[in-house]
All heavy atoms as atom14 arrays in JSON, in Angstrom:
{
  "sequence": "SGEMTFLPGHAPFITTLGTGILKYKVKGQEKAFKAVLSWGYCEVVPQ",
  "atom14_mask": [
    [1, 1, 1, 1, 1, 1, 0, 0, 0, 0, 0, 0, 0, 0],
    [1, 1, 1, 1, 0, 0, 0, 0, 0, 0, 0, 0, 0, 0],
    [1, 1, 1, 1, 1, 1, 1, 1, 1, 0, 0, 0, 0, 0],
    [1, 1, 1, 1, 1, 1, 1, 1, 0, 0, 0, 0, 0, 0],
    [1, 1, 1, 1, 1, 1, 1, 0, 0, 0, 0, 0, 0, 0],
    [1, 1, 1, 1, 1, 1, 1, 1, 1, 1, 1, 0, 0, 0],
    [1, 1, 1, 1, 1, 1, 1, 1, 0, 0, 0, 0, 0, 0],
    [1, 1, 1, 1, 1, 1, 1, 0, 0, 0, 0, 0, 0, 0],
    [1, 1, 1, 1, 0, 0, 0, 0, 0, 0, 0, 0, 0, 0],
    [1, 1, 1, 1, 1, 1, 1, 1, 1, 1, 0, 0, 0, 0],
    [1, 1, 1, 1, 1, 0, 0, 0, 0, 0, 0, 0, 0, 0],
    [1, 1, 1, 1, 1, 1, 1, 0, 0, 0, 0, 0, 0, 0],
    [1, 1, 1, 1, 1, 1, 1, 1, 1, 1, 1, 0, 0, 0],
    [1, 1, 1, 1, 1, 1, 1, 1, 0, 0, 0, 0, 0, 0],
    [1, 1, 1, 1, 1, 1, 1, 0, 0, 0, 0, 0, 0, 0],
    [1, 1, 1, 1, 1, 1, 1, 0, 0, 0, 0, 0, 0, 0],
    [1, 1, 1, 1, 1, 1, 1, 1, 0, 0, 0, 0, 0, 0],
    [1, 1, 1, 1, 0, 0, 0, 0, 0, 0, 0, 0, 0, 0],
    [1, 1, 1, 1, 1, 1, 1, 0, 0, 0, 0, 0, 0, 0],
    [1, 1, 1, 1, 0, 0, 0, 0, 0, 0, 0, 0, 0, 0],
    [1, 1, 1, 1, 1, 1, 1, 1, 0, 0, 0, 0, 0, 0],
    [1, 1, 1, 1, 1, 1, 1, 1, 0, 0, 0, 0, 0, 0],
    [1, 1, 1, 1, 1, 1, 1, 1, 1, 0, 0, 0, 0, 0],
    [1, 1, 1, 1, 1, 1, 1, 1, 1, 1, 1, 1, 0, 0],
    [1, 1, 1, 1, 1, 1, 1, 1, 1, 0, 0, 0, 0, 0],
    [1, 1, 1, 1, 1, 1, 1, 0, 0, 0, 0, 0, 0, 0],
    [1, 1, 1, 1, 1, 1, 1, 1, 1, 0, 0, 0, 0, 0],
    [1, 1, 1, 1, 0, 0, 0, 0, 0, 0, 0, 0, 0, 0],
    [1, 1, 1, 1, 1, 1, 1, 1, 1, 0, 0, 0, 0, 0],
    [1, 1, 1, 1, 1, 1, 1, 1, 1, 0, 0, 0, 0, 0],
    [1, 1, 1, 1, 1, 1, 1, 1, 1, 0, 0, 0, 0, 0],
    [1, 1, 1, 1, 1, 0, 0, 0, 0, 0, 0, 0, 0, 0],
    [1, 1, 1, 1, 1, 1, 1, 1, 1, 1, 1, 0, 0, 0],
    [1, 1, 1, 1, 1, 1, 1, 1, 1, 0, 0, 0, 0, 0],
    [1, 1, 1, 1, 1, 0, 0, 0, 0, 0, 0, 0, 0, 0],
    [1, 1, 1, 1, 1, 1, 1, 0, 0, 0, 0, 0, 0, 0],
    [1, 1, 1, 1, 1, 1, 1, 1, 0, 0, 0, 0, 0, 0],
    [1, 1, 1, 1, 1, 1, 0, 0, 0, 0, 0, 0, 0, 0],
    [1, 1, 1, 1, 1, 1, 1, 1, 1, 1, 1, 1, 1, 1],
    [1, 1, 1, 1, 0, 0, 0, 0, 0, 0, 0, 0, 0, 0],
    [1, 1, 1, 1, 1, 1, 1, 1, 1, 1, 1, 1, 0, 0],
    [1, 1, 1, 1, 1, 1, 0, 0, 0, 0, 0, 0, 0, 0],
    [1, 1, 1, 1, 1, 1, 1, 1, 1, 0, 0, 0, 0, 0],
    [1, 1, 1, 1, 1, 1, 1, 0, 0, 0, 0, 0, 0, 0],
    [1, 1, 1, 1, 1, 1, 1, 0, 0, 0, 0, 0, 0, 0],
    [1, 1, 1, 1, 1, 1, 1, 0, 0, 0, 0, 0, 0, 0],
    [1, 1, 1, 1, 1, 1, 1, 1, 1, 0, 0, 0, 0, 0]
  ],
  "atom14_positions": [
    [[0.85, -1.23, -0.02], [-0.02, -0.05, -0.02], [0.82, 1.31, -0.02], [0.27, 2.38, 0.11], [-0.97, 0.03, 1.22], [-0.18, -0.07, 2.42], [0.0, 0.0, 0.0], [0.0, 0.0, 0.0], [0.0, 0.0, 0.0], [0.0, 0.0, 0.0], [0.0, 0.0, 0.0], [0.0, 0.0, 0.0], [0.0, 0.0, 0.0], [0.0, 0.0, 0.0]],
    [[2.13, 1.19, -0.12], [3.02, 2.27, -0.1], [4.29, 2.05, 0.76], [4.35, 1.07, 1.51], [0.0, 0.0, 0.0], [0.0, 0.0, 0.0], [0.0, 0.0, 0.0], [0.0, 0.0, 0.0], [0.0, 0.0, 0.0], [0.0, 0.0, 0.0], [0.0, 0.0, 0.0], [0.0, 0.0, 0.0], [0.0, 0.0, 0.0], [0.0, 0.0, 0.0]],
    [[5.2, 3.0, 0.77], [6.44, 2.86, 1.51], [6.07, 2.99, 2.99], [5.39, 3.85, 3.41], [7.46, 3.9, 1.09], [8.8, 3.76, 1.8], [9.84, 4.7, 1.29], [10.13, 4.78, 0.02], [10.42, 5.42, 2.13], [0.0, 0.0, 0.0], [0.0, 0.0, 0.0], [0.0, 0.0, 0.0], [0.0, 0.0, 0.0], [0.0, 0.0, 0.0]],
    [[6.76, 2.13, 3.8], [6.64, 2.15, 5.21], [8.0, 2.15, 5.86], [8.9, 1.46, 5.44], [5.85, 0.97, 5.75], [4.43, 0.85, 5.23], [3.51, -0.51, 5.93], [2.91, 0.35, 7.34], [0.0, 0.0, 0.0], [0.0, 0.0, 0.0], [0.0, 0.0, 0.0], [0.0, 0.0, 0.0], [0.0, 0.0, 0.0], [0.0, 0.0, 0.0]],
    [[8.17, 2.96, 6.91], [9.49, 3.07, 7.61], [9.27, 2.56, 9.0], [8.33, 2.89, 9.73], [9.98, 4.45, 7.6], [10.12, 4.94, 6.22], [11.29, 4.62, 8.24], [0.0, 0.0, 0.0], [0.0, 0.0, 0.0], [0.0, 0.0, 0.0], [0.0, 0.0, 0.0], [0.0, 0.0, 0.0], [0.0, 0.0, 0.0], [0.0, 0.0, 0.0]],
    [[10.21, 1.78, 9.5], [10.25, 1.22, 10.86], [11.46, 1.69, 11.59], [12.55, 1.62, 11.06], [10.15, -0.28, 10.78], [8.98, -0.83, 9.96], [9.15, -1.38, 8.78], [7.68, -0.63, 10.48], [8.16, -1.84, 8.0], [6.62, -1.14, 9.71], [6.86, -1.66, 8.47], [0.0, 0.0, 0.0], [0.0, 0.0, 0.0], [0.0, 0.0, 0.0]],
    [[11.25, 2.06, 12.82], [12.36, 2.47, 13.72], [12.28, 1.53, 14.93], [11.4, 0.88, 15.21], [12.13, 3.92, 14.17], [12.05, 4.98, 13.07], [11.65, 6.33, 13.62], [13.43, 5.04, 12.37], [0.0, 0.0, 0.0], [0.0, 0.0, 0.0], [0.0, 0.0, 0.0], [0.0, 0.0, 0.0], [0.0, 0.0, 0.0], [0.0, 0.0, 0.0]],
    [[13.44, 1.51, 15.7], [13.47, 0.68, 16.89], [12.32, 1.0, 17.83], [11.9, 2.14, 17.94], [14.81, 0.98, 17.57], [15.71, 1.45, 16.41], [14.74, 2.21, 15.44], [0.0, 0.0, 0.0], [0.0, 0.0, 0.0], [0.0, 0.0, 0.0], [0.0, 0.0, 0.0], [0.0, 0.0, 0.0], [0.0, 0.0, 0.0], [0.0, 0.0, 0.0]],
    [[11.68, 0.03, 18.39], [10.55, 0.23, 19.27], [9.15, 0.14, 18.64], [8.2, 0.32, 19.22], [0.0, 0.0, 0.0], [0.0, 0.0, 0.0], [0.0, 0.0, 0.0], [0.0, 0.0, 0.0], [0.0, 0.0, 0.0], [0.0, 0.0, 0.0], [0.0, 0.0, 0.0], [0.0, 0.0, 0.0], [0.0, 0.0, 0.0], [0.0, 0.0, 0.0]],
    [[9.19, -0.07, 17.31], [7.88, -0.09, 16.57], [7.1, -1.33, 17.07], [7.66, -2.37, 17.43], [8.16, -0.28, 15.07], [6.97, 0.02, 14.25], [5.89, -0.87, 14.1], [6.76, 1.11, 13.36], [5.02, -0.28, 13.3], [5.45, 0.78, 12.79], [0.0, 0.0, 0.0], [0.0, 0.0, 0.0], [0.0, 0.0, 0.0], [0.0, 0.0, 0.0]],
    [[5.77, -1.13, 17.1], [4.88, -2.16, 17.55], [4.94, -3.3, 16.54], [5.26, -3.08, 15.3], [3.49, -1.65, 17.55], [0.0, 0.0, 0.0], [0.0, 0.0, 0.0], [0.0, 0.0, 0.0], [0.0, 0.0, 0.0], [0.0, 0.0, 0.0], [0.0, 0.0, 0.0], [0.0, 0.0, 0.0], [0.0, 0.0, 0.0], [0.0, 0.0, 0.0]],
    [[4.79, -4.59, 17.02], [4.64, -5.74, 16.12], [3.75, -5.46, 14.94], [2.59, -4.93, 15.14], [4.21, -6.85, 17.01], [4.68, -6.48, 18.35], [4.54, -4.99, 18.43], [0.0, 0.0, 0.0], [0.0, 0.0, 0.0], [0.0, 0.0, 0.0], [0.0, 0.0, 0.0], [0.0, 0.0, 0.0], [0.0, 0.0, 0.0], [0.0, 0.0, 0.0]],
    [[4.17, -5.91, 13.82], [3.34, -5.56, 12.6], [3.77, -6.55, 11.41], [4.89, -6.99, 11.4], [3.76, -4.12, 12.17], [3.06, -3.59, 11.01], [1.69, -3.04, 11.19], [3.64, -3.5, 9.73], [1.07, -2.49, 10.14], [2.93, -2.95, 8.75], [1.66, -2.47, 8.85], [0.0, 0.0, 0.0], [0.0, 0.0, 0.0], [0.0, 0.0, 0.0]],
    [[2.77, -6.86, 10.63], [3.07, -7.68, 9.44], [2.41, -7.02, 8.23], [1.27, -6.49, 8.33], [2.48, -9.03, 9.54], [3.29, -9.85, 10.63], [2.63, -9.83, 8.18], [2.75, -11.24, 10.95], [0.0, 0.0, 0.0], [0.0, 0.0, 0.0], [0.0, 0.0, 0.0], [0.0, 0.0, 0.0], [0.0, 0.0, 0.0], [0.0, 0.0, 0.0]],
    [[3.08, -6.89, 7.11], [2.57, -6.35, 5.95], [3.01, -7.1, 4.7], [4.03, -7.83, 4.75], [2.88, -4.88, 5.74], [2.24, -4.34, 4.63], [4.36, -4.67, 5.55], [0.0, 0.0, 0.0], [0.0, 0.0, 0.0], [0.0, 0.0, 0.0], [0.0, 0.0, 0.0], [0.0, 0.0, 0.0], [0.0, 0.0, 0.0], [0.0, 0.0, 0.0]],
    [[2.23, -7.0, 3.61], [2.62, -7.62, 2.29], [3.46, -6.6, 1.59], [3.22, -5.37, 1.62], [1.32, -7.89, 1.48], [0.51, -8.72, 2.25], [1.66, -8.62, 0.24], [0.0, 0.0, 0.0], [0.0, 0.0, 0.0], [0.0, 0.0, 0.0], [0.0, 0.0, 0.0], [0.0, 0.0, 0.0], [0.0, 0.0, 0.0], [0.0, 0.0, 0.0]],
    [[4.5, -7.07, 0.88], [5.33, -6.18, 0.07], [4.86, -6.1, -1.33], [4.39, -7.05, -1.92], [6.82, -6.72, 0.14], [7.41, -6.82, 1.49], [8.84, -7.51, 1.39], [7.62, -5.4, 2.12], [0.0, 0.0, 0.0], [0.0, 0.0, 0.0], [0.0, 0.0, 0.0], [0.0, 0.0, 0.0], [0.0, 0.0, 0.0], [0.0, 0.0, 0.0]],
    [[5.08, -4.97, -1.9], [5.04, -4.8, -3.32], [6.35, -4.71, -3.97], [7.31, -5.33, -3.42], [0.0, 0.0, 0.0], [0.0, 0.0, 0.0], [0.0, 0.0, 0.0], [0.0, 0.0, 0.0], [0.0, 0.0, 0.0], [0.0, 0.0, 0.0], [0.0, 0.0, 0.0], [0.0, 0.0, 0.0], [0.0, 0.0, 0.0], [0.0, 0.0, 0.0]],
    [[6.53, -4.14, -5.11], [7.82, -4.03, -5.78], [8.32, -2.61, -5.56], [7.51, -1.63, -5.76], [7.64, -4.33, -7.28], [7.17, -5.73, -7.36], [8.94, -4.25, -7.99], [0.0, 0.0, 0.0], [0.0, 0.0, 0.0], [0.0, 0.0, 0.0], [0.0, 0.0, 0.0], [0.0, 0.0, 0.0], [0.0, 0.0, 0.0], [0.0, 0.0, 0.0]],
    [[9.5, -2.43, -5.21], [10.09, -1.11, -4.92], [11.5, -1.26, -4.31], [12.18, -2.26, -4.48], [0.0, 0.0, 0.0], [0.0, 0.0, 0.0], [0.0, 0.0, 0.0], [0.0, 0.0, 0.0], [0.0, 0.0, 0.0], [0.0, 0.0, 0.0], [0.0, 0.0, 0.0], [0.0, 0.0, 0.0], [0.0, 0.0, 0.0], [0.0, 0.0, 0.0]],
    [[11.81, -0.24, -3.63], [13.23, -0.12, -3.06], [13.23, -0.2, -1.55], [12.48, 0.51, -0.87], [13.9, 1.23, -3.53], [14.03, 1.25, -5.0], [15.19, 1.34, -2.88], [14.63, 2.45, -5.66], [0.0, 0.0, 0.0], [0.0, 0.0, 0.0], [0.0, 0.0, 0.0], [0.0, 0.0, 0.0], [0.0, 0.0, 0.0], [0.0, 0.0, 0.0]],
    [[13.93, -1.15, -1.09], [14.25, -1.4, 0.35], [15.37, -0.4, 0.68], [16.4, -0.32, 0.06], [14.74, -2.79, 0.65], [15.32, -3.07, 1.98], [14.34, -3.1, 3.05], [16.11, -4.39, 1.93], [0.0, 0.0, 0.0], [0.0, 0.0, 0.0], [0.0, 0.0, 0.0], [0.0, 0.0, 0.0], [0.0, 0.0, 0.0], [0.0, 0.0, 0.0]],
    [[15.18, 0.32, 1.77], [16.28, 1.23, 2.31], [16.5, 0.92, 3.82], [15.54, 0.68, 4.48], [15.93, 2.68, 2.18], [15.63, 3.14, 0.76], [15.09, 4.58, 0.75], [14.2, 4.76, -0.51], [13.1, 5.65, -0.22], [0.0, 0.0, 0.0], [0.0, 0.0, 0.0], [0.0, 0.0, 0.0], [0.0, 0.0, 0.0], [0.0, 0.0, 0.0]],
    [[17.77, 0.91, 4.16], [18.15, 0.76, 5.55], [19.38, 1.4, 5.92], [20.28, 1.55, 5.11], [18.17, -0.74, 5.93], [19.09, -1.62, 5.24], [20.4, -1.84, 5.76], [18.8, -2.13, 3.97], [21.31, -2.63, 5.11], [19.82, -2.99, 3.32], [21.04, -3.16, 3.92], [21.94, -3.93, 3.28], [0.0, 0.0, 0.0], [0.0, 0.0, 0.0]],
    [[19.44, 1.81, 7.18], [20.62, 2.46, 7.68], [21.28, 1.58, 8.75], [20.63, 1.19, 9.67], [20.32, 3.79, 8.23], [19.89, 4.9, 7.26], [19.77, 6.22, 7.87], [19.42, 7.22, 6.86], [19.19, 8.63, 7.43], [0.0, 0.0, 0.0], [0.0, 0.0, 0.0], [0.0, 0.0, 0.0], [0.0, 0.0, 0.0], [0.0, 0.0, 0.0]],
    [[22.54, 1.23, 8.47], [23.28, 0.35, 9.36], [23.77, 1.26, 10.56], [24.23, 2.36, 10.4], [24.49, -0.28, 8.64], [25.34, -1.05, 9.61], [24.04, -1.18, 7.52], [0.0, 0.0, 0.0], [0.0, 0.0, 0.0], [0.0, 0.0, 0.0], [0.0, 0.0, 0.0], [0.0, 0.0, 0.0], [0.0, 0.0, 0.0], [0.0, 0.0, 0.0]],
    [[23.67, 0.72, 11.75], [24.09, 1.4, 12.97], [25.53, 1.87, 12.8], [26.38, 1.08, 12.51], [23.89, 0.44, 14.22], [24.15, 1.1, 15.55], [23.85, 0.17, 16.65], [23.96, 0.83, 17.97], [23.69, -0.12, 19.06], [0.0, 0.0, 0.0], [0.0, 0.0, 0.0], [0.0, 0.0, 0.0], [0.0, 0.0, 0.0], [0.0, 0.0, 0.0]],
    [[25.77, 3.11, 13.06], [27.08, 3.64, 13.09], [27.55, 4.16, 11.73], [28.68, 4.64, 11.51], [0.0, 0.0, 0.0], [0.0, 0.0, 0.0], [0.0, 0.0, 0.0], [0.0, 0.0, 0.0], [0.0, 0.0, 0.0], [0.0, 0.0, 0.0], [0.0, 0.0, 0.0], [0.0, 0.0, 0.0], [0.0, 0.0, 0.0], [0.0, 0.0, 0.0]],
    [[26.68, 4.04, 10.67], [27.05, 4.61, 9.38], [26.0, 5.54, 8.9], [24.85, 5.44, 9.14], [27.11, 3.37, 8.35], [28.22, 2.38, 8.65], [28.31, 1.29, 7.56], [27.85, 1.48, 6.48], [28.92, 0.16, 7.95], [0.0, 0.0, 0.0], [0.0, 0.0, 0.0], [0.0, 0.0, 0.0], [0.0, 0.0, 0.0], [0.0, 0.0, 0.0]],
    [[26.46, 6.55, 8.12], [25.58, 7.57, 7.64], [24.81, 7.15, 6.35], [23.68, 7.54, 6.16], [26.37, 8.9, 7.34], [26.75, 9.62, 8.59], [25.56, 10.27, 9.33], [24.55, 10.72, 8.67], [25.48, 10.05, 10.59], [0.0, 0.0, 0.0], [0.0, 0.0, 0.0], [0.0, 0.0, 0.0], [0.0, 0.0, 0.0], [0.0, 0.0, 0.0]],
    [[25.54, 6.41, 5.52], [25.0, 6.02, 4.28], [23.84, 5.13, 4.34], [23.89, 4.1, 5.19], [26.09, 5.4, 3.38], [25.74, 4.87, 2.09], [26.82, 4.14, 1.36], [26.33, 3.4, 0.18], [27.18, 2.39, -0.33], [0.0, 0.0, 0.0], [0.0, 0.0, 0.0], [0.0, 0.0, 0.0], [0.0, 0.0, 0.0], [0.0, 0.0, 0.0]],
    [[22.79, 5.32, 3.55], [21.63, 4.38, 3.51], [21.98, 3.32, 2.46], [22.4, 3.66, 1.38], [20.35, 5.13, 3.17], [0.0, 0.0, 0.0], [0.0, 0.0, 0.0], [0.0, 0.0, 0.0], [0.0, 0.0, 0.0], [0.0, 0.0, 0.0], [0.0, 0.0, 0.0], [0.0, 0.0, 0.0], [0.0, 0.0, 0.0], [0.0, 0.0, 0.0]],
    [[21.71, 2.1, 2.76], [21.84, 1.01, 1.82], [20.51, 0.69, 1.03], [19.47, 0.9, 1.75], [22.37, -0.25, 2.5], [23.73, -0.15, 3.04], [23.94, 0.44, 4.34], [24.76, -0.53, 2.24], [25.27, 0.55, 4.77], [26.1, -0.41, 2.78], [26.27, 0.12, 4.02], [0.0, 0.0, 0.0], [0.0, 0.0, 0.0], [0.0, 0.0, 0.0]],
    [[20.56, 0.38, -0.17], [19.27, 0.23, -0.91], [19.42, -1.04, -1.75], [20.44, -1.44, -2.14], [19.05, 1.45, -1.84], [18.97, 2.76, -1.16], [18.78, 3.92, -2.15], [18.65, 5.19, -1.42], [18.5, 6.3, -2.39], [0.0, 0.0, 0.0], [0.0, 0.0, 0.0], [0.0, 0.0, 0.0], [0.0, 0.0, 0.0], [0.0, 0.0, 0.0]],
    [[18.15, -1.56, -2.07], [18.1, -2.68, -2.98], [16.65, -2.74, -3.46], [15.73, -2.28, -2.9], [18.42, -3.97, -2.21], [0.0, 0.0, 0.0], [0.0, 0.0, 0.0], [0.0, 0.0, 0.0], [0.0, 0.0, 0.0], [0.0, 0.0, 0.0], [0.0, 0.0, 0.0], [0.0, 0.0, 0.0], [0.0, 0.0, 0.0], [0.0, 0.0, 0.0]],
    [[16.48, -3.37, -4.65], [15.17, -3.6, -5.18], [14.56, -4.85, -4.56], [15.24, -5.9, -4.59], [15.2, -3.71, -6.79], [13.87, -4.1, -7.29], [15.73, -2.45, -7.41], [0.0, 0.0, 0.0], [0.0, 0.0, 0.0], [0.0, 0.0, 0.0], [0.0, 0.0, 0.0], [0.0, 0.0, 0.0], [0.0, 0.0, 0.0], [0.0, 0.0, 0.0]],
    [[13.38, -4.8, -4.14], [12.61, -5.92, -3.6], [11.44, -6.16, -4.47], [10.82, -5.11, -5.0], [12.14, -5.61, -2.21], [13.03, -5.83, -1.01], [12.35, -5.63, 0.3], [13.78, -7.15, -1.04], [0.0, 0.0, 0.0], [0.0, 0.0, 0.0], [0.0, 0.0, 0.0], [0.0, 0.0, 0.0], [0.0, 0.0, 0.0], [0.0, 0.0, 0.0]],
    [[10.98, -7.4, -4.48], [9.68, -7.63, -5.19], [8.9, -8.74, -4.44], [9.44, -9.76, -4.19], [9.97, -8.04, -6.66], [8.71, -8.33, -7.29], [0.0, 0.0, 0.0], [0.0, 0.0, 0.0], [0.0, 0.0, 0.0], [0.0, 0.0, 0.0], [0.0, 0.0, 0.0], [0.0, 0.0, 0.0], [0.0, 0.0, 0.0], [0.0, 0.0, 0.0]],
    [[7.73, -8.4, -4.11], [6.73, -9.25, -3.54], [7.27, -10.13, -2.32], [8.33, -10.73, -2.48], [6.2, -10.18, -4.6], [4.96, -10.91, -4.24], [4.64, -12.2, -4.56], [3.89, -10.49, -3.43], [3.46, -12.59, -4.06], [2.92, -11.49, -3.35], [3.59, -9.41, -2.71], [1.78, -11.43, -2.62], [2.4, -9.24, -2.06], [1.53, -10.27, -2.02]],
    [[6.5, -10.1, -1.35], [6.84, -10.91, -0.23], [6.12, -10.39, 1.07], [5.05, -9.85, 1.0], [0.0, 0.0, 0.0], [0.0, 0.0, 0.0], [0.0, 0.0, 0.0], [0.0, 0.0, 0.0], [0.0, 0.0, 0.0], [0.0, 0.0, 0.0], [0.0, 0.0, 0.0], [0.0, 0.0, 0.0], [0.0, 0.0, 0.0], [0.0, 0.0, 0.0]],
    [[6.84, -10.56, 2.15], [6.2, -10.21, 3.44], [7.23, -9.49, 4.34], [8.42, -9.84, 4.3], [5.59, -11.45, 4.28], [4.52, -12.09, 3.42], [4.8, -13.15, 2.56], [3.22, -11.64, 3.53], [3.83, -13.81, 1.84], [2.25, -12.27, 2.77], [2.52, -13.32, 1.94], [1.57, -13.83, 1.14], [0.0, 0.0, 0.0], [0.0, 0.0, 0.0]],
    [[6.77, -8.63, 5.18], [7.67, -7.9, 6.13], [7.05, -8.13, 7.51], [5.87, -7.87, 7.73], [7.81, -6.49, 5.74], [8.76, -5.47, 6.97], [0.0, 0.0, 0.0], [0.0, 0.0, 0.0], [0.0, 0.0, 0.0], [0.0, 0.0, 0.0], [0.0, 0.0, 0.0], [0.0, 0.0, 0.0], [0.0, 0.0, 0.0], [0.0, 0.0, 0.0]],
    [[7.84, -8.54, 8.42], [7.33, -8.78, 9.81], [8.24, -7.86, 10.79], [9.49, -7.95, 10.7], [7.51, -10.2, 10.22], [7.28, -10.49, 11.73], [7.66, -11.89, 12.1], [8.73, -12.31, 11.69], [6.95, -12.48, 12.84], [0.0, 0.0, 0.0], [0.0, 0.0, 0.0], [0.0, 0.0, 0.0], [0.0, 0.0, 0.0], [0.0, 0.0, 0.0]],
    [[7.54, -7.05, 11.57], [8.31, -6.29, 12.52], [7.96, -6.96, 13.93], [6.85, -7.1, 14.24], [7.78, -4.82, 12.51], [8.53, -3.98, 13.6], [7.95, -4.18, 11.11], [0.0, 0.0, 0.0], [0.0, 0.0, 0.0], [0.0, 0.0, 0.0], [0.0, 0.0, 0.0], [0.0, 0.0, 0.0], [0.0, 0.0, 0.0], [0.0, 0.0, 0.0]],
    [[9.08, -7.21, 14.61], [9.0, -7.75, 15.9], [9.89, -6.91, 16.89], [10.62, -6.02, 16.42], [9.53, -9.22, 16.0], [8.56, -10.15, 15.14], [10.9, -9.39, 15.46], [0.0, 0.0, 0.0], [0.0, 0.0, 0.0], [0.0, 0.0, 0.0], [0.0, 0.0, 0.0], [0.0, 0.0, 0.0], [0.0, 0.0, 0.0], [0.0, 0.0, 0.0]],
    [[9.78, -7.06, 18.12], [10.62, -6.22, 19.01], [12.16, -6.24, 18.78], [12.77, -5.28, 18.98], [10.24, -6.76, 20.44], [8.88, -7.33, 20.32], [8.84, -7.92, 18.97], [0.0, 0.0, 0.0], [0.0, 0.0, 0.0], [0.0, 0.0, 0.0], [0.0, 0.0, 0.0], [0.0, 0.0, 0.0], [0.0, 0.0, 0.0], [0.0, 0.0, 0.0]],
    [[12.6, -7.4, 18.28], [14.02, -7.52, 18.02], [14.45, -6.9, 16.71], [15.58, -6.71, 16.43], [14.33, -9.02, 17.89], [14.15, -9.75, 19.19], [12.72, -10.18, 19.48], [11.91, -10.18, 18.55], [12.34, -10.44, 20.7], [0.0, 0.0, 0.0], [0.0, 0.0, 0.0], [0.0, 0.0, 0.0], [0.0, 0.0, 0.0], [0.0, 0.0, 0.0]]
  ]
}
């Protein structure tokens, strides 16, 4: 349904993925890493 961003402490959540760009920032680095993703599932848990 659109881009979603998750930060530490986010409530548990599950969503279906579309096709687009995954972005993430590694702890201790300024640069955001990116990749193309297509179809799947995303699960947010406390960890």
